[in-house]
Amino acid sequence: MVDVGEKPLSERSARARATLRASTATCAALADGGLPKGDAIAVARLAGIQAAKRTAELVPLAHPLPLAHVDVAIAPEPELGRVSIEATARAHARTGVELEALVACTTAAVALYDMVKAVEPGAAISDARVIEKRGGRSGIWRQEPAPAATPDCVPVHLRRAGAQAAASVGTCALLVVSTRAASGARPDRAEPHLRALAHAAGLSVARFAVLPDDPPALAAFMRDCADRQRVAVVLTSGGTGLTADDRTPEATLAVADREVPGIAELVRAHSFARTPLAALSRAVAAMRGRTLIVNLPGNPSALVELREPLAPVLRHAVELLAA
C-alpha cells in the first residue's frame, strides 16, 4: 500500500457517473416505484452509500478513509431508455476519494440491475467513470462527459430526433445557480441534464459555471457570455422560486434587451401538467443582443421532462437569430 503518511491532510472530493440502460417501460416503472421488488431508487442509493464506506475492504491496497459525506443521485430518463447514476464522496484525508465515489456509483448501478432483472434481464450497465476530483496537489480535475450513445431500446422516432440534433447550430453557456453547490456543500445534479438538453437542441457547450445566488455575479456571467463570447443561448438552472435567495429572474431581466415570454410560458405549462407547484415559478426568458437567455428549474427531473418540448424551440430560435 502506497505510503501517504507524509502528505498533508486536505479536503478531498470526487464525483463518478454510470448508466443503466433498459427499455422505456422498465425505466418508467423504476421511476414510478412500480417494480416487483419495490422502490429501486431508495434501495440503490443505500447500497451505493454503504459500499462507499467499505471501499478499502473491496479494493486491494486501497486506503481506509474517514468519509465525511457520500451521496448517490439517481435520475430515470424513460424517454431515452436509461437511468443516470451519480455518486459524490468527500473526506478530510491524505489521499483522494475517487475509488469511494466510483464504488458507490457502480454498486448503486448493480443494485438497480438487481431490482429490474425480474422484468428485464438484458438491462446493461455502462459508462462508469470518475468525472471530477478535487483536493491534493493536483487541485481540480474534471473530465468532460462523452457524447451519450443512443441506446437501441429508444423508439425510432426519438433516435431520429437525436441524430438530427447532433449537428451543431450554435454554442451555449450553462449556469447552475446554487449557493450550496457553489460552496461544495452539496453536489450539483443539474449539469448532466442541462448538457443533455443543449445536445438535443443542437448546441455545443462553450462554458459552464456553478454560481451562488448573487444577482450581480449572475448578471455579470450572462453579460460576458452574450457580449464577449457571443454564445447563442445561456441556459440557467435554479433560483426561480419564491425564497429571498431566488433571484435568477431579476439578474436575467437586468441584462435583457427584451423578453421572450412564450418560452417561459411553455416551461411552466409543461411542468404544470405534472405538478401544480409549477405555478410558483418566476422563470423568465429574454434576449441580450443575439443571445437568448432561458431560466429553467433546478430540479433534475424537471430538466429531463422539459428536454423533448424545449429542445426544438431552442434550436429554431437559434436558427432565427443567426439568419
Protein backbone atom coordinates (compact mmCIF):
# COMPACT_ATOMS: atom_id res chain seq x y z
CA MET A 1 0.00 0.00 0.00
CA VAL A 2 1.38 3.41 -1.00
CA ASP A 3 2.74 5.38 1.97
CA VAL A 4 0.79 8.64 2.21
CA GLY A 5 1.85 9.44 5.76
CA GLU A 6 3.91 12.46 4.69
CA LYS A 7 1.07 14.04 2.74
CA PRO A 8 -0.84 16.85 4.47
CA LEU A 9 -4.49 16.44 5.35
CA SER A 10 -6.77 18.33 2.96
CA GLU A 11 -10.36 18.44 1.78
CA ARG A 12 -10.90 15.82 -0.94
CA SER A 13 -13.95 15.19 -3.08
CA ALA A 14 -14.81 13.19 -6.19
CA ARG A 15 -17.78 12.50 -8.44
CA ALA A 16 -18.45 9.42 -10.55
CA ARG A 17 -21.20 8.52 -13.03
CA ALA A 18 -22.66 5.38 -14.57
CA THR A 19 -25.67 4.49 -16.70
CA LEU A 20 -28.20 1.67 -16.55
CA ARG A 21 -29.76 1.07 -19.97
CA ALA A 22 -33.15 -0.60 -20.21
CA SER A 23 -36.41 -0.32 -22.11
CA THR A 24 -38.62 2.74 -21.83
CA ALA A 25 -41.24 0.71 -19.95
CA THR A 26 -38.73 -0.62 -17.42
CA CYS A 27 -37.25 2.84 -16.79
CA ALA A 28 -40.74 4.28 -16.31
CA ALA A 29 -41.66 1.52 -13.84
CA LEU A 30 -38.43 2.17 -11.95
CA ALA A 31 -39.18 5.90 -11.78
CA ASP A 32 -42.73 5.27 -10.52
CA GLY A 33 -41.74 2.65 -7.94
CA GLY A 34 -43.73 0.07 -9.86
CA LEU A 35 -41.18 -2.76 -9.97
CA PRO A 36 -41.96 -6.12 -8.30
CA LYS A 37 -39.22 -5.56 -5.70
CA GLY A 38 -40.43 -2.08 -4.76
CA ASP A 39 -38.62 1.27 -4.57
CA ALA A 40 -35.49 0.62 -6.62
CA ILE A 41 -34.10 4.14 -6.28
CA ALA A 42 -34.11 4.12 -2.47
CA VAL A 43 -32.54 0.65 -2.37
CA ALA A 44 -29.82 1.58 -4.87
CA ARG A 45 -28.92 4.82 -3.07
CA LEU A 46 -28.47 2.96 0.22
CA ALA A 47 -26.45 0.22 -1.49
CA GLY A 48 -24.11 2.78 -3.02
CA ILE A 49 -23.61 4.71 0.23
CA GLN A 50 -22.95 1.52 2.20
CA ALA A 51 -20.48 0.27 -0.41
CA ALA A 52 -18.51 3.54 -0.39
CA LYS A 53 -17.91 3.12 3.34
CA ARG A 54 -16.38 -0.32 2.70
CA THR A 55 -14.20 0.53 -0.30
CA ALA A 56 -10.97 -0.45 1.46
CA GLU A 57 -12.40 -3.94 2.05
CA LEU A 58 -13.41 -4.34 -1.59
CA VAL A 59 -10.40 -2.90 -3.44
CA PRO A 60 -6.99 -4.40 -2.61
CA LEU A 61 -4.44 -1.92 -1.19
CA ALA A 62 -6.97 0.94 -1.03
CA HIS A 63 -6.55 3.23 1.98
CA PRO A 64 -9.34 3.27 4.60
CA LEU A 65 -10.66 6.84 4.61
CA PRO A 66 -12.76 8.80 7.14
CA LEU A 67 -15.60 9.71 4.81
CA ALA A 68 -17.42 12.90 5.77
CA HIS A 69 -20.12 12.67 3.10
CA VAL A 70 -21.43 10.25 0.48
CA ASP A 71 -24.41 10.88 -1.78
CA VAL A 72 -25.92 8.94 -4.68
CA ALA A 73 -28.29 10.69 -7.12
CA ILE A 74 -30.39 8.58 -9.49
CA ALA A 75 -32.31 10.14 -12.39
CA PRO A 76 -34.50 7.86 -14.54
CA GLU A 77 -34.89 9.04 -18.14
CA PRO A 78 -37.57 6.75 -19.60
CA GLU A 79 -37.79 8.59 -22.92
CA LEU A 80 -34.09 7.81 -23.53
CA GLY A 81 -34.21 4.27 -22.15
CA ARG A 82 -31.68 4.87 -19.39
CA VAL A 83 -31.11 5.72 -15.73
CA SER A 84 -28.30 8.15 -14.88
CA ILE A 85 -26.43 7.49 -11.63
CA GLU A 86 -24.05 9.96 -10.00
CA ALA A 87 -22.16 9.49 -6.73
CA THR A 88 -20.24 12.07 -4.70
CA ALA A 89 -17.77 11.37 -1.90
CA ARG A 90 -15.94 13.80 0.38
CA ALA A 91 -13.31 13.40 3.11
CA HIS A 92 -10.62 15.32 5.01
CA ALA A 93 -7.76 12.96 4.24
CA ARG A 94 -4.26 12.42 2.84
CA THR A 95 -5.39 10.74 -0.37
CA GLY A 96 -8.26 11.07 -2.82
CA VAL A 97 -11.77 9.62 -2.70
CA GLU A 98 -12.14 8.69 -6.39
CA LEU A 99 -12.43 4.99 -5.54
CA GLU A 100 -15.15 5.65 -2.98
CA ALA A 101 -17.20 7.65 -5.49
CA LEU A 102 -16.76 5.02 -8.19
CA VAL A 103 -17.59 2.13 -5.85
CA ALA A 104 -20.73 3.96 -4.69
CA CYS A 105 -21.80 4.65 -8.26
CA THR A 106 -21.20 1.16 -9.65
CA THR A 107 -22.71 -0.60 -6.63
CA ALA A 108 -25.83 1.54 -6.98
CA ALA A 109 -25.97 0.52 -10.65
CA VAL A 110 -25.67 -3.18 -9.72
CA ALA A 111 -28.43 -2.76 -7.13
CA LEU A 112 -30.66 -1.16 -9.77
CA TYR A 113 -29.98 -4.10 -12.07
CA ASP A 114 -30.97 -6.48 -9.30
CA MET A 115 -34.26 -4.60 -8.89
CA VAL A 116 -35.11 -4.66 -12.63
CA LYS A 117 -33.75 -8.05 -13.72
CA ALA A 118 -37.05 -9.80 -13.00
CA VAL A 119 -38.72 -7.75 -15.75
CA GLU A 120 -35.70 -7.12 -17.98
CA PRO A 121 -32.69 -9.42 -17.53
CA GLY A 122 -31.00 -7.78 -20.52
CA ALA A 123 -30.60 -4.39 -18.81
CA ALA A 124 -27.00 -3.17 -19.14
CA ILE A 125 -24.61 -1.10 -17.03
CA SER A 126 -22.26 1.19 -18.98
CA ASP A 127 -20.16 4.37 -18.99
CA ALA A 128 -18.90 4.05 -15.39
CA ARG A 129 -16.19 6.66 -14.83
CA VAL A 130 -14.82 9.30 -12.46
CA ILE A 131 -15.80 12.73 -13.79
CA GLU A 132 -14.28 15.06 -11.22
CA LYS A 133 -11.81 15.13 -8.34
CA ARG A 134 -10.81 17.99 -6.05
CA GLY A 135 -8.07 18.40 -3.47
CA GLY A 136 -4.44 17.46 -3.00
CA ARG A 137 -1.56 18.65 -5.14
CA SER A 138 -3.44 18.17 -8.42
CA GLY A 139 -6.19 20.61 -7.40
CA ILE A 140 -9.32 20.31 -9.55
CA TRP A 141 -9.55 17.76 -12.36
CA ARG A 142 -12.67 17.33 -14.47
CA GLN A 143 -13.46 15.03 -17.37
CA GLU A 144 -15.84 16.36 -19.97
CA PRO A 145 -18.66 13.85 -20.39
CA ALA A 146 -18.51 11.74 -23.52
CA PRO A 147 -21.37 12.17 -26.01
CA ALA A 148 -24.20 9.95 -24.90
CA ALA A 149 -24.77 6.92 -27.11
CA THR A 150 -28.33 6.37 -28.26
CA PRO A 151 -29.49 3.01 -26.87
CA ASP A 152 -31.20 0.50 -29.11
CA CYS A 153 -34.26 0.48 -26.85
CA VAL A 154 -35.11 4.14 -27.62
CA PRO A 155 -38.09 4.37 -30.01
CA VAL A 156 -37.23 5.01 -33.65
CA HIS A 157 -38.78 8.50 -33.73
CA LEU A 158 -36.61 9.59 -30.78
CA ARG A 159 -33.49 8.06 -32.35
CA ARG A 160 -34.12 10.12 -35.47
CA ALA A 161 -34.63 13.28 -33.41
CA GLY A 162 -31.37 12.65 -31.55
CA ALA A 163 -29.47 12.12 -34.81
CA GLN A 164 -30.84 15.35 -36.21
CA ALA A 165 -29.85 17.26 -33.07
CA ALA A 166 -26.24 16.09 -33.34
CA ALA A 167 -25.47 18.73 -35.98
CA SER A 168 -24.48 21.86 -34.04
CA VAL A 169 -26.44 25.03 -34.76
CA GLY A 170 -24.58 27.20 -32.26
CA THR A 171 -22.86 27.47 -28.90
CA CYS A 172 -24.32 27.81 -25.44
CA ALA A 173 -23.34 28.54 -21.85
CA LEU A 174 -24.74 26.60 -18.89
CA LEU A 175 -25.20 28.19 -15.46
CA VAL A 176 -26.25 26.32 -12.32
CA VAL A 177 -27.45 28.76 -9.64
CA SER A 178 -26.99 27.29 -6.16
CA THR A 179 -25.14 28.72 -3.19
CA ARG A 180 -24.71 25.29 -1.61
CA ALA A 181 -23.43 23.63 -4.78
CA ALA A 182 -21.06 26.53 -5.45
CA SER A 183 -19.56 26.14 -1.97
CA GLY A 184 -19.23 22.35 -2.32
CA ALA A 185 -21.77 21.71 0.47
CA ARG A 186 -23.84 19.54 -1.86
CA PRO A 187 -23.30 18.02 -5.31
CA ASP A 188 -24.53 19.74 -8.45
CA ARG A 189 -27.08 17.40 -10.06
CA ALA A 190 -28.30 19.70 -12.82
CA GLU A 191 -25.22 19.79 -15.09
CA PRO A 192 -25.67 16.46 -16.94
CA HIS A 193 -29.32 17.25 -17.68
CA LEU A 194 -28.53 20.77 -18.89
CA ARG A 195 -25.87 19.30 -21.17
CA ALA A 196 -28.34 16.71 -22.48
CA LEU A 197 -30.87 19.46 -23.25
CA ALA A 198 -28.22 21.52 -25.04
CA HIS A 199 -27.14 18.49 -27.10
CA ALA A 200 -30.76 17.71 -28.03
CA ALA A 201 -31.16 21.31 -29.24
CA GLY A 202 -28.02 21.03 -31.40
CA LEU A 203 -25.95 23.31 -29.15
CA SER A 204 -22.29 22.80 -28.26
CA VAL A 205 -21.35 23.81 -24.72
CA ALA A 206 -18.75 26.60 -24.68
CA ARG A 207 -18.92 27.45 -20.98
CA PHE A 208 -20.20 26.00 -17.72
CA ALA A 209 -20.35 27.52 -14.23
CA VAL A 210 -21.87 26.95 -10.81
CA LEU A 211 -22.51 30.27 -9.05
CA PRO A 212 -24.12 31.27 -5.74
CA ASP A 213 -27.44 33.14 -5.55
CA ASP A 214 -25.82 36.53 -6.11
CA PRO A 215 -27.63 38.70 -8.72
CA PRO A 216 -24.62 40.89 -9.67
CA ALA A 217 -22.45 37.80 -10.26
CA LEU A 218 -25.20 36.11 -12.25
CA ALA A 219 -25.76 39.21 -14.36
CA ALA A 220 -22.02 39.58 -14.99
CA PHE A 221 -21.83 35.97 -16.19
CA MET A 222 -24.75 36.49 -18.60
CA ARG A 223 -23.34 39.75 -19.95
CA ASP A 224 -19.93 38.20 -20.53
CA CYS A 225 -21.44 35.21 -22.35
CA ALA A 226 -23.55 37.45 -24.58
CA ASP A 227 -21.19 40.39 -25.19
CA ARG A 228 -17.73 38.79 -25.22
CA GLN A 229 -18.24 35.10 -26.04
CA ARG A 230 -21.36 35.77 -28.13
CA VAL A 231 -22.92 32.40 -27.38
CA ALA A 232 -26.30 31.73 -28.95
CA VAL A 233 -28.02 30.58 -25.74
CA VAL A 234 -27.49 30.83 -21.99
CA LEU A 235 -29.39 28.16 -20.04
CA THR A 236 -29.70 28.72 -16.29
CA SER A 237 -30.94 26.20 -13.74
CA GLY A 238 -32.23 27.15 -10.29
CA GLY A 239 -33.05 30.32 -8.38
CA THR A 240 -36.50 30.84 -9.91
CA GLY A 241 -38.76 30.25 -6.89
CA LEU A 242 -40.18 32.38 -4.09
CA THR A 243 -37.46 32.40 -1.44
CA ALA A 244 -35.41 35.52 -0.76
CA ASP A 245 -32.36 33.91 -2.41
CA ASP A 246 -34.17 33.07 -5.67
CA ARG A 247 -33.00 35.99 -7.80
CA THR A 248 -32.13 34.47 -11.18
CA PRO A 249 -35.09 36.16 -12.98
CA GLU A 250 -34.03 39.56 -11.61
CA ALA A 251 -30.46 39.03 -12.83
CA THR A 252 -31.76 37.97 -16.25
CA LEU A 253 -34.04 40.98 -16.63
CA ALA A 254 -31.24 43.30 -15.51
CA VAL A 255 -29.20 42.39 -18.61
CA ALA A 256 -32.09 41.85 -21.05
CA ASP A 257 -32.94 43.96 -24.08
CA ARG A 258 -36.37 42.34 -24.43
CA GLU A 259 -38.32 39.39 -23.03
CA VAL A 260 -39.39 36.22 -24.85
CA PRO A 261 -42.42 35.32 -22.72
CA GLY A 262 -43.59 32.36 -24.80
CA ILE A 263 -40.62 30.20 -23.78
CA ALA A 264 -41.22 30.80 -20.06
CA GLU A 265 -44.91 30.05 -20.61
CA LEU A 266 -44.02 26.79 -22.38
CA VAL A 267 -41.77 25.71 -19.49
CA ARG A 268 -44.45 26.49 -16.90
CA ALA A 269 -47.27 24.88 -18.87
CA HIS A 270 -45.33 21.66 -19.44
CA SER A 271 -44.30 21.47 -15.77
CA PHE A 272 -47.78 22.41 -14.56
CA ALA A 273 -49.19 19.31 -16.28
CA ARG A 274 -47.11 17.27 -13.80
CA THR A 275 -47.33 19.39 -10.65
CA PRO A 276 -49.41 22.44 -9.69
CA LEU A 277 -46.34 23.77 -7.85
CA ALA A 278 -45.02 24.89 -11.24
CA ALA A 279 -47.30 27.90 -10.81
CA LEU A 280 -44.80 29.24 -8.25
CA SER A 281 -42.01 29.54 -10.82
CA ARG A 282 -40.90 33.08 -11.69
CA ALA A 283 -38.60 31.95 -14.52
CA VAL A 284 -38.19 34.26 -17.50
CA ALA A 285 -36.70 34.06 -20.97
CA ALA A 286 -35.12 37.10 -22.58
CA MET A 287 -32.65 38.31 -25.20
CA ARG A 288 -29.48 40.31 -24.93
CA GLY A 289 -28.36 41.21 -28.42
CA ARG A 290 -28.49 37.93 -30.36
CA THR A 291 -28.15 35.77 -27.23
CA LEU A 292 -31.19 34.00 -25.83
CA ILE A 293 -31.24 33.57 -22.02
CA VAL A 294 -33.64 30.96 -20.61
CA ASN A 295 -34.29 30.28 -16.91
CA LEU A 296 -35.01 26.64 -16.10
CA PRO A 297 -35.91 24.77 -12.89
CA GLY A 298 -33.22 23.45 -10.58
CA ASN A 299 -34.92 20.06 -10.19
CA PRO A 300 -33.09 17.45 -12.33
CA SER A 301 -36.33 15.55 -13.04
CA ALA A 302 -37.94 18.72 -14.37
CA LEU A 303 -34.97 19.27 -16.70
CA VAL A 304 -35.39 15.75 -18.06
CA GLU A 305 -39.12 16.30 -18.65
CA LEU A 306 -38.52 19.62 -20.45
CA ARG A 307 -35.97 18.26 -22.90
CA GLU A 308 -38.41 16.97 -25.51
CA PRO A 309 -40.72 20.05 -25.77
CA LEU A 310 -37.99 22.68 -25.32
CA ALA A 311 -35.14 21.38 -27.49
CA PRO A 312 -36.80 22.04 -30.89
CA VAL A 313 -37.89 25.51 -29.73
CA LEU A 314 -34.33 26.42 -28.74
CA ARG A 315 -32.97 25.05 -32.00
CA HIS A 316 -35.41 27.06 -34.10
CA ALA A 317 -34.77 30.21 -32.02
CA VAL A 318 -31.02 29.93 -32.68
CA GLU A 319 -31.62 29.47 -36.39
CA LEU A 320 -33.85 32.58 -36.47
CA LEU A 321 -31.29 34.67 -34.56
CA ALA A 322 -28.50 33.56 -36.88
CA ALA A 323 -30.44 34.41 -40.05
